[in-house]
Amino acid sequence: MIDELYTIILERKAHPRQGSYTNQLLQAGENKILKKINEEATEVIVAAKAEGDQRLVEEVSDLFYHTLVLLASRGIDLEAVKAELRRRHQPIGS
């Protein structure tokens, strides 16, 4: 689903839709996107400490979404993140 969501975000970037929250973020610029990521990261912490597992899942989902918007705004392909994660988890000596 993360790949599908990223594809939707890229589609919104390429073909803006009136009233789209994604387009509002992209048009507002990187500082707005970073502010939302900061807010969502804080909400993840609060949910983890005091709001239960379902709320944590909801907040992590929001954080993932806003992070994907940041990547799209920068023109960074999600595959670059996947490649970095693969690189970090190669067996020692590979």
Protein backbone atom coordinates (compact mmCIF):
# COMPACT_ATOMS: atom_id res chain seq x y z
CA MET A 1 0.00 0.00 0.00
CA ILE A 2 2.89 2.39 0.60
CA ASP A 3 3.92 2.05 -3.05
CA GLU A 4 0.35 2.71 -4.14
CA LEU A 5 0.08 5.76 -1.88
CA TYR A 6 3.34 7.14 -3.24
CA THR A 7 2.05 6.66 -6.78
CA ILE A 8 -1.10 8.62 -5.89
CA ILE A 9 1.01 11.43 -4.40
CA LEU A 10 3.13 11.58 -7.56
CA GLU A 11 -0.05 11.65 -9.65
CA ARG A 12 -1.36 14.60 -7.62
CA LYS A 13 1.97 16.37 -8.09
CA ALA A 14 1.87 15.84 -11.86
CA HIS A 15 -1.86 16.54 -12.21
CA PRO A 16 -3.10 18.76 -9.35
CA ARG A 17 -6.70 18.38 -8.26
CA GLN A 18 -8.77 21.18 -6.79
CA GLY A 19 -9.26 20.62 -3.06
CA SER A 20 -6.62 17.88 -2.78
CA TYR A 21 -4.85 17.94 0.59
CA THR A 22 -1.75 16.53 -1.09
CA ASN A 23 -1.76 19.42 -3.55
CA GLN A 24 -2.26 21.91 -0.74
CA LEU A 25 0.86 20.56 0.96
CA LEU A 26 2.90 20.50 -2.22
CA GLN A 27 1.86 24.04 -3.12
CA ALA A 28 2.58 25.31 0.40
CA GLY A 29 6.15 24.11 0.05
CA GLU A 30 8.75 22.22 1.98
CA ASN A 31 8.53 24.22 5.20
CA LYS A 32 4.83 23.35 5.55
CA ILE A 33 5.52 19.70 4.80
CA LEU A 34 8.32 19.62 7.38
CA LYS A 35 6.04 21.26 9.94
CA LYS A 36 3.46 18.52 9.36
CA ILE A 37 6.11 15.82 9.71
CA ASN A 38 7.20 17.34 13.00
CA GLU A 39 3.60 17.45 14.23
CA GLU A 40 2.95 13.87 13.21
CA ALA A 41 6.18 12.61 14.80
CA THR A 42 5.13 14.24 18.06
CA GLU A 43 1.68 12.66 17.77
CA VAL A 44 3.32 9.25 17.26
CA ILE A 45 5.19 9.68 20.52
CA VAL A 46 2.07 10.78 22.41
CA ALA A 47 0.06 7.88 20.99
CA ALA A 48 2.77 5.38 21.90
CA LYS A 49 2.95 6.68 25.46
CA ALA A 50 -0.72 7.12 26.27
CA GLU A 51 -3.26 6.48 23.54
CA GLY A 52 -3.18 2.79 22.67
CA ASP A 53 -2.19 0.70 19.72
CA GLN A 54 -4.93 1.76 17.30
CA ARG A 55 -4.14 5.44 17.78
CA LEU A 56 -0.44 4.65 17.32
CA VAL A 57 -1.20 2.91 14.01
CA GLU A 58 -3.22 5.93 12.88
CA GLU A 59 -0.46 8.39 13.75
CA VAL A 60 2.29 6.30 12.17
CA SER A 61 0.15 6.17 9.02
CA ASP A 62 -0.06 9.97 9.05
CA LEU A 63 3.70 10.22 9.52
CA PHE A 64 4.35 7.83 6.63
CA TYR A 65 2.02 9.82 4.37
CA HIS A 66 3.62 13.17 5.13
CA THR A 67 7.10 11.69 4.69
CA LEU A 68 6.07 10.38 1.27
CA VAL A 69 4.83 13.86 0.35
CA LEU A 70 8.26 15.24 1.31
CA LEU A 71 10.02 12.67 -0.88
CA ALA A 72 7.72 13.48 -3.79
CA SER A 73 8.23 17.21 -3.35
CA ARG A 74 11.99 16.66 -3.60
CA GLY A 75 11.68 14.31 -6.56
CA ILE A 76 13.16 11.42 -4.59
CA ASP A 77 11.98 8.03 -5.80
CA LEU A 78 10.71 5.67 -3.13
CA GLU A 79 13.05 3.08 -4.63
CA ALA A 80 16.00 5.13 -3.30
CA VAL A 81 14.72 4.62 0.25
CA LYS A 82 14.17 0.92 -0.36
CA ALA A 83 17.69 0.58 -1.78
CA GLU A 84 19.15 2.32 1.26
CA LEU A 85 17.27 0.01 3.62
CA ARG A 86 18.49 -3.03 1.66
CA ARG A 87 22.05 -1.69 1.78
CA ARG A 88 21.87 -1.26 5.55
CA HIS A 89 20.68 -4.80 6.06
CA GLN A 90 23.17 -6.72 3.97
CA PRO A 91 24.99 -9.45 5.82
CA ILE A 92 28.42 -8.41 7.11
CA GLY A 93 31.08 -9.19 4.55
CA SER A 94 28.76 -8.90 1.54
